[in-house]
C-alpha atoms as a PDB file:
ATOM      1  CA  MET A   1     -33.487  66.248 -22.966  1.00  0.00           C
ATOM      2  CA  ALA A   2     -31.566  64.253 -20.358  1.00  0.00           C
ATOM      3  CA  VAL A   3     -28.580  61.894 -20.769  1.00  0.00           C
ATOM      4  CA  TRP A   4     -28.109  58.582 -18.969  1.00  0.00           C
ATOM      5  CA  LYS A   5     -24.695  56.896 -18.984  1.00  0.00           C
ATOM      6  CA  GLU A   6     -24.065  53.905 -16.745  1.00  0.00           C
ATOM      7  CA  LYS A   7     -22.180  50.613 -16.530  1.00  0.00           C
ATOM      8  CA  GLN A   8     -23.783  47.532 -14.936  1.00  0.00           C
ATOM      9  CA  VAL A   9     -22.623  43.941 -14.422  1.00  0.00           C
ATOM     10  CA  PHE A  10     -24.997  40.964 -14.144  1.00  0.00           C
ATOM     11  CA  HIS A  11     -24.219  37.358 -13.181  1.00  0.00           C
ATOM     12  CA  LEU A  12     -26.652  34.775 -14.564  1.00  0.00           C
ATOM     13  CA  LYS A  13     -26.814  31.059 -13.827  1.00  0.00           C
ATOM     14  CA  LYS A  14     -27.281  28.624 -16.714  1.00  0.00           C
ATOM     15  CA  GLY A  15     -30.844  29.050 -18.031  1.00  0.00           C
ATOM     16  CA  GLU A  16     -31.567  32.154 -15.911  1.00  0.00           C
ATOM     17  CA  ALA A  17     -33.177  35.224 -17.489  1.00  0.00           C
ATOM     18  CA  LYS A  18     -32.834  38.696 -16.029  1.00  0.00           C
ATOM     19  CA  LYS A  19     -33.985  42.240 -16.793  1.00  0.00           C
ATOM     20  CA  VAL A  20     -30.799  44.208 -17.505  1.00  0.00           C
ATOM     21  CA  PHE A  21     -32.344  47.520 -18.566  1.00  0.00           C
ATOM     22  CA  PHE A  22     -35.597  49.380 -17.933  1.00  0.00           C
ATOM     23  CA  ASN A  23     -36.429  52.824 -19.200  1.00  0.00           C
ATOM     24  CA  ALA A  24     -39.669  54.742 -18.658  1.00  0.00           C
ATOM     25  CA  ALA A  25     -39.142  57.878 -20.681  1.00  0.00           C
ATOM     26  CA  PHE A  26     -40.628  59.602 -23.690  1.00  0.00           C
ATOM     27  CA  LEU A  27     -38.804  59.385 -27.029  1.00  0.00           C
ATOM     28  CA  SER A  28     -35.630  57.600 -25.870  1.00  0.00           C
ATOM     29  CA  SER A  29     -32.719  57.099 -28.240  1.00  0.00           C
ATOM     30  CA  GLY A  30     -29.226  55.719 -27.846  1.00  0.00           C
ATOM     31  CA  HIS A  31     -27.457  52.375 -27.459  1.00  0.00           C
ATOM     32  CA  ILE A  32     -26.771  49.599 -24.996  1.00  0.00           C
ATOM     33  CA  HIS A  33     -23.304  48.126 -25.474  1.00  0.00           C
ATOM     34  CA  TYR A  34     -22.884  44.590 -24.125  1.00  0.00           C
ATOM     35  CA  ASN A  35     -20.096  42.148 -23.356  1.00  0.00           C
ATOM     36  CA  ILE A  36     -21.057  38.492 -22.773  1.00  0.00           C
ATOM     37  CA  GLN A  37     -18.650  36.075 -21.057  1.00  0.00           C
ATOM     38  CA  SER A  38     -19.665  32.525 -20.155  1.00  0.00           C
ATOM     39  CA  LYS A  39     -17.706  29.868 -18.282  1.00  0.00           C
ATOM     40  CA  ASP A  40     -17.771  27.430 -21.201  1.00  0.00           C
ATOM     41  CA  GLY A  41     -16.482  29.993 -23.730  1.00  0.00           C
ATOM     42  CA  THR A  42     -19.615  30.103 -25.905  1.00  0.00           C
ATOM     43  CA  ASN A  43     -20.263  33.718 -24.816  1.00  0.00           C
ATOM     44  CA  ALA A  44     -23.902  33.624 -25.935  1.00  0.00           C
ATOM     45  CA  CYS A  45     -27.216  34.989 -24.615  1.00  0.00           C
ATOM     46  CA  LYS A  46     -30.788  35.142 -25.844  1.00  0.00           C
ATOM     47  CA  ILE A  47     -31.959  38.764 -25.906  1.00  0.00           C
ATOM     48  CA  TRP A  48     -35.434  40.298 -26.170  1.00  0.00           C
ATOM     49  CA  TRP A  49     -37.208  43.609 -25.589  1.00  0.00           C
ATOM     50  CA  THR A  50     -40.550  44.071 -23.856  1.00  0.00           C
ATOM     51  CA  LEU A  51     -42.061  47.294 -25.215  1.00  0.00           C
ATOM     52  CA  GLY A  52     -44.786  49.564 -23.863  1.00  0.00           C
ATOM     53  CA  PRO A  53     -47.497  50.558 -23.734  1.00  0.00           C
ATOM     54  CA  PHE A  54     -48.902  47.013 -24.068  1.00  0.00           C
ATOM     55  CA  GLY A  55     -45.906  44.835 -23.098  1.00  0.00           C
ATOM     56  CA  LYS A  56     -45.228  43.293 -26.521  1.00  0.00           C
ATOM     57  CA  ASN A  57     -42.110  41.086 -26.705  1.00  0.00           C
ATOM     58  CA  LYS A  58     -39.650  41.659 -29.557  1.00  0.00           C
ATOM     59  CA  ASP A  59     -37.177  38.772 -29.942  1.00  0.00           C
ATOM     60  CA  MET A  60     -33.654  39.936 -30.818  1.00  0.00           C
ATOM     61  CA  GLY A  61     -32.265  36.398 -31.153  1.00  0.00           C
ATOM     62  CA  ILE A  62     -29.034  34.944 -29.797  1.00  0.00           C
ATOM     63  CA  HIS A  63     -26.059  37.299 -29.496  1.00  0.00           C
ATOM     64  CA  HIS A  64     -22.390  36.435 -28.931  1.00  0.00           C
ATOM     65  CA  ASN A  65     -19.383  38.213 -27.379  1.00  0.00           C
ATOM     66  CA  THR A  66     -19.760  42.002 -27.755  1.00  0.00           C
ATOM     67  CA  GLY A  67     -22.081  44.318 -29.620  1.00  0.00           C
ATOM     68  CA  LYS A  68     -24.621  47.087 -29.278  1.00  0.00           C
ATOM     69  CA  LEU A  69     -28.378  47.348 -29.428  1.00  0.00           C
ATOM     70  CA  PRO A  70     -30.223  50.493 -30.502  1.00  0.00           C
ATOM     71  CA  ILE A  71     -32.704  52.079 -28.115  1.00  0.00           C
ATOM     72  CA  LYS A  72     -35.692  53.754 -29.730  1.00  0.00           C
ATOM     73  CA  GLY A  73     -38.590  53.890 -27.331  1.00  0.00           C
ATOM     74  CA  ILE A  74     -41.779  55.863 -27.394  1.00  0.00           C
ATOM     75  CA  LEU A  75     -42.959  55.160 -23.843  1.00  0.00           C
ATOM     76  CA  TRP A  76     -41.182  52.382 -21.889  1.00  0.00           C
ATOM     77  CA  GLN A  77     -38.987  49.377 -22.588  1.00  0.00           C
ATOM     78  CA  LYS A  78     -37.278  46.498 -20.806  1.00  0.00           C
ATOM     79  CA  LEU A  79     -34.293  44.546 -22.106  1.00  0.00           C
ATOM     80  CA  LYS A  80     -33.964  40.958 -20.903  1.00  0.00           C
ATOM     81  CA  MET A  81     -31.108  38.512 -21.387  1.00  0.00           C
ATOM     82  CA  LYS A  82     -30.978  34.761 -20.776  1.00  0.00           C
ATOM     83  CA  ALA A  83     -27.845  32.682 -20.163  1.00  0.00           C
ATOM     84  CA  LEU A  84     -27.954  29.636 -22.421  1.00  0.00           C
ATOM     85  CA  GLN A  85     -25.335  26.898 -21.924  1.00  0.00           C
ATOM     86  CA  ALA A  86     -23.365  28.028 -18.853  1.00  0.00           C
ATOM     87  CA  ASP A  87     -23.108  30.558 -16.030  1.00  0.00           C
ATOM     88  CA  THR A  88     -22.631  33.930 -17.725  1.00  0.00           C
ATOM     89  CA  THR A  89     -21.433  37.425 -16.827  1.00  0.00           C
ATOM     90  CA  ILE A  90     -22.944  40.292 -18.822  1.00  0.00           C
ATOM     91  CA  THR A  91     -21.565  43.819 -18.712  1.00  0.00           C
ATOM     92  CA  ILE A  92     -23.682  46.568 -20.238  1.00  0.00           C
ATOM     93  CA  HIS A  93     -22.884  50.215 -20.901  1.00  0.00           C
ATOM     94  CA  ILE A  94     -25.940  52.431 -21.238  1.00  0.00           C
ATOM     95  CA  ASP A  95     -25.764  55.556 -23.397  1.00  0.00           C
ATOM     96  CA  VAL A  96     -29.264  57.045 -23.751  1.00  0.00           C
ATOM     97  CA  GLU A  97     -30.847  60.439 -24.391  1.00  0.00           C
ATOM     98  CA  TYR A  98     -34.454  60.798 -23.263  1.00  0.00           C
ATOM     99  CA  VAL A  99     -37.254  63.115 -22.235  1.00  0.00           C
ATOM    100  CA  PRO A 100     -38.178  62.169 -18.629  1.00  0.00           C
ATOM    101  CA  LEU A 101     -41.795  61.282 -17.924  1.00  0.00           C
ATOM    102  CA  GLN A 102     -43.400  63.411 -15.253  1.00  0.00           C
ATOM    103  CA  ILE A 103     -45.908  61.301 -13.390  1.00  0.00           C
ATOM    104  CA  GLY A 104     -48.331  63.092 -11.121  1.00  0.00           C
ATOM    105  CA  TYR A 105     -50.979  65.716 -11.416  1.00  0.00           C
ATOM    106  CA  SER A 106     -51.442  69.417 -11.164  1.00  0.00           C
ATOM    107  CA  ARG A 107     -54.285  70.955  -9.209  1.00  0.00           C
ATOM    108  CA  ARG A 108     -55.410  74.498  -9.861  1.00  0.00           C
ATOM    109  CA  PHE A 109     -57.611  76.485  -7.480  1.00  0.00           C
END
């Protein structure tokens, strides 16, 4: 089991959507903590997951100010956020435990 802790800051223009988290690991669990600050004070973003293996979107709705989202992935997942009414700054703190995927092959002689 590996641990991933990181802080990232994203700047989104009004109406812009951006991938803020991607994880390709087996049996991930943890949280993404977020802080949303927009120039007009609404502090709101639309949030959704895209989940593997088939890329299904899971709408999480509109979130305001600060909060956390659970991470429970079987294979891979992407978290996307979209600025709604104004230019927005999003800070995320990642706190995830996961089993890394090993991609490649083994050849025996």
